[in-house]
Amino acid sequence: MLESLGAAFALMLVLEGILPFVAPDAWSNTFKKIAQMPPNRIRIGGLISMVLGLILLLVILG
């Protein structure tokens, strides 16, 4: 279990690093736009991301 969690975390870091490596200007502009959004929109986006991730996990592991 711990090994799988570590592998998942490592994969997340790899995936999160792709955009800043490939297109740093686009990545920077995106985060500037996100920083200007109201907190509720950011929170809703995070919730949607978590729910989609959980559904994907259930589909893959189920």
N, C-alpha and C. Protein backbone atom coordinates (compact mmCIF):
# COMPACT_ATOMS: atom_id res chain seq x y z
N MET A 1 0.83 -1.20 0.00
CA MET A 1 0.00 0.00 0.00
C MET A 1 0.87 1.26 0.00
N LEU A 2 1.86 1.29 0.90
CA LEU A 2 2.72 2.46 0.98
C LEU A 2 3.54 2.63 -0.30
N GLU A 3 3.93 1.52 -0.90
CA GLU A 3 4.68 1.58 -2.16
C GLU A 3 3.82 2.18 -3.27
N SER A 4 2.56 1.77 -3.33
CA SER A 4 1.64 2.30 -4.35
C SER A 4 1.39 3.78 -4.14
N LEU A 5 1.25 4.18 -2.88
CA LEU A 5 1.03 5.59 -2.57
C LEU A 5 2.24 6.42 -2.98
N GLY A 6 3.42 5.91 -2.71
CA GLY A 6 4.64 6.60 -3.11
C GLY A 6 4.76 6.71 -4.62
N ALA A 7 4.41 5.64 -5.32
CA ALA A 7 4.45 5.65 -6.79
C ALA A 7 3.44 6.65 -7.34
N ALA A 8 2.26 6.70 -6.74
CA ALA A 8 1.24 7.64 -7.20
C ALA A 8 1.69 9.08 -6.97
N PHE A 9 2.31 9.34 -5.84
CA PHE A 9 2.82 10.68 -5.53
C PHE A 9 3.92 11.07 -6.52
N ALA A 10 4.82 10.14 -6.79
CA ALA A 10 5.90 10.40 -7.75
C ALA A 10 5.35 10.69 -9.13
N LEU A 11 4.35 9.94 -9.57
CA LEU A 11 3.73 10.17 -10.87
C LEU A 11 3.05 11.52 -10.91
N MET A 12 2.40 11.91 -9.82
CA MET A 12 1.76 13.21 -9.75
C MET A 12 2.81 14.32 -9.94
N LEU A 13 3.97 14.18 -9.29
CA LEU A 13 5.03 15.18 -9.42
C LEU A 13 5.53 15.27 -10.86
N VAL A 14 5.67 14.12 -11.51
CA VAL A 14 6.10 14.11 -12.92
C VAL A 14 5.07 14.83 -13.79
N LEU A 15 3.80 14.48 -13.62
CA LEU A 15 2.75 15.10 -14.42
C LEU A 15 2.62 16.59 -14.15
N GLU A 16 2.75 16.99 -12.89
CA GLU A 16 2.66 18.41 -12.53
C GLU A 16 3.84 19.19 -13.10
N GLY A 17 4.96 18.55 -13.31
CA GLY A 17 6.15 19.24 -13.80
C GLY A 17 6.23 19.37 -15.30
N ILE A 18 5.38 18.67 -16.03
CA ILE A 18 5.45 18.70 -17.49
C ILE A 18 5.16 20.09 -18.06
N LEU A 19 4.06 20.70 -17.65
CA LEU A 19 3.69 22.00 -18.23
C LEU A 19 4.71 23.09 -17.91
N PRO A 20 5.16 23.25 -16.65
CA PRO A 20 6.18 24.29 -16.42
C PRO A 20 7.48 24.04 -17.19
N PHE A 21 7.79 22.79 -17.45
CA PHE A 21 9.01 22.48 -18.21
C PHE A 21 8.84 22.79 -19.69
N VAL A 22 7.70 22.39 -20.26
CA VAL A 22 7.47 22.54 -21.69
C VAL A 22 7.07 23.96 -22.08
N ALA A 23 6.19 24.58 -21.26
CA ALA A 23 5.68 25.91 -21.61
C ALA A 23 5.61 26.79 -20.35
N PRO A 24 6.76 27.27 -19.89
CA PRO A 24 6.77 28.04 -18.63
C PRO A 24 5.96 29.34 -18.70
N ASP A 25 5.92 29.98 -19.87
CA ASP A 25 5.15 31.22 -19.97
C ASP A 25 3.64 30.96 -19.85
N ALA A 26 3.16 29.92 -20.52
CA ALA A 26 1.75 29.57 -20.42
C ALA A 26 1.39 29.16 -19.00
N TRP A 27 2.28 28.41 -18.35
CA TRP A 27 2.06 27.98 -16.97
C TRP A 27 1.96 29.19 -16.05
N SER A 28 2.87 30.14 -16.22
CA SER A 28 2.88 31.34 -15.39
C SER A 28 1.62 32.18 -15.61
N ASN A 29 1.22 32.35 -16.86
CA ASN A 29 0.01 33.12 -17.17
C ASN A 29 -1.23 32.45 -16.59
N THR A 30 -1.27 31.14 -16.64
CA THR A 30 -2.41 30.40 -16.09
C THR A 30 -2.53 30.64 -14.60
N PHE A 31 -1.42 30.56 -13.88
CA PHE A 31 -1.48 30.75 -12.45
C PHE A 31 -1.78 32.20 -12.06
N LYS A 32 -1.37 33.15 -12.89
CA LYS A 32 -1.75 34.54 -12.64
C LYS A 32 -3.26 34.71 -12.75
N LYS A 33 -3.85 34.07 -13.76
CA LYS A 33 -5.31 34.13 -13.93
C LYS A 33 -6.03 33.45 -12.77
N ILE A 34 -5.51 32.31 -12.34
CA ILE A 34 -6.13 31.59 -11.22
C ILE A 34 -6.05 32.43 -9.94
N ALA A 35 -4.94 33.11 -9.73
CA ALA A 35 -4.76 33.92 -8.52
C ALA A 35 -5.77 35.08 -8.47
N GLN A 36 -6.27 35.50 -9.62
CA GLN A 36 -7.23 36.59 -9.67
C GLN A 36 -8.67 36.11 -9.53
N MET A 37 -8.89 34.81 -9.54
CA MET A 37 -10.25 34.27 -9.42
C MET A 37 -10.75 34.37 -7.99
N PRO A 38 -12.06 34.45 -7.81
CA PRO A 38 -12.61 34.43 -6.45
C PRO A 38 -12.34 33.07 -5.79
N PRO A 39 -12.11 33.07 -4.47
CA PRO A 39 -11.80 31.82 -3.77
C PRO A 39 -12.84 30.72 -3.97
N ASN A 40 -14.10 31.07 -4.08
CA ASN A 40 -15.14 30.05 -4.26
C ASN A 40 -14.98 29.30 -5.58
N ARG A 41 -14.59 29.99 -6.63
CA ARG A 41 -14.37 29.33 -7.93
C ARG A 41 -13.18 28.39 -7.86
N ILE A 42 -12.13 28.82 -7.17
CA ILE A 42 -10.96 27.96 -7.00
C ILE A 42 -11.33 26.72 -6.19
N ARG A 43 -12.12 26.93 -5.13
CA ARG A 43 -12.55 25.82 -4.28
C ARG A 43 -13.40 24.82 -5.07
N ILE A 44 -14.31 25.33 -5.90
CA ILE A 44 -15.16 24.46 -6.71
C ILE A 44 -14.31 23.68 -7.72
N GLY A 45 -13.32 24.35 -8.31
CA GLY A 45 -12.41 23.66 -9.24
C GLY A 45 -11.64 22.55 -8.54
N GLY A 46 -11.18 22.81 -7.31
CA GLY A 46 -10.49 21.78 -6.54
C GLY A 46 -11.41 20.62 -6.21
N LEU A 47 -12.65 20.92 -5.84
CA LEU A 47 -13.62 19.86 -5.54
C LEU A 47 -13.89 19.00 -6.77
N ILE A 48 -14.08 19.63 -7.90
CA ILE A 48 -14.32 18.89 -9.14
C ILE A 48 -13.12 18.00 -9.46
N SER A 49 -11.93 18.53 -9.29
CA SER A 49 -10.72 17.75 -9.55
C SER A 49 -10.65 16.53 -8.63
N MET A 50 -10.94 16.73 -7.35
CA MET A 50 -10.90 15.61 -6.40
C MET A 50 -11.94 14.55 -6.74
N VAL A 51 -13.15 14.97 -7.07
CA VAL A 51 -14.21 14.02 -7.39
C VAL A 51 -13.86 13.23 -8.65
N LEU A 52 -13.37 13.92 -9.68
CA LEU A 52 -12.98 13.21 -10.90
C LEU A 52 -11.84 12.24 -10.63
N GLY A 53 -10.89 12.64 -9.79
CA GLY A 53 -9.80 11.74 -9.42
C GLY A 53 -10.29 10.51 -8.68
N LEU A 54 -11.23 10.69 -7.76
CA LEU A 54 -11.78 9.55 -7.03
C LEU A 54 -12.55 8.61 -7.95
N ILE A 55 -13.33 9.19 -8.86
CA ILE A 55 -14.07 8.36 -9.82
C ILE A 55 -13.09 7.57 -10.69
N LEU A 56 -12.04 8.22 -11.16
CA LEU A 56 -11.04 7.53 -11.98
C LEU A 56 -10.38 6.41 -11.19
N LEU A 57 -10.05 6.65 -9.94
CA LEU A 57 -9.47 5.60 -9.10
C LEU A 57 -10.43 4.42 -8.95
N LEU A 58 -11.69 4.71 -8.72
CA LEU A 58 -12.68 3.64 -8.57
C LEU A 58 -12.81 2.83 -9.85
N VAL A 59 -12.77 3.49 -11.00
CA VAL A 59 -12.87 2.80 -12.28
C VAL A 59 -11.63 1.92 -12.50
N ILE A 60 -10.46 2.48 -12.21
CA ILE A 60 -9.22 1.74 -12.44
C ILE A 60 -9.06 0.58 -11.47
N LEU A 61 -9.34 0.82 -10.19
CA LEU A 61 -9.14 -0.20 -9.17
C LEU A 61 -10.34 -1.11 -8.98
N GLY A 62 -11.49 -0.65 -9.43
CA GLY A 62 -12.72 -1.41 -9.19
C GLY A 62 -12.89 -2.52 -10.14
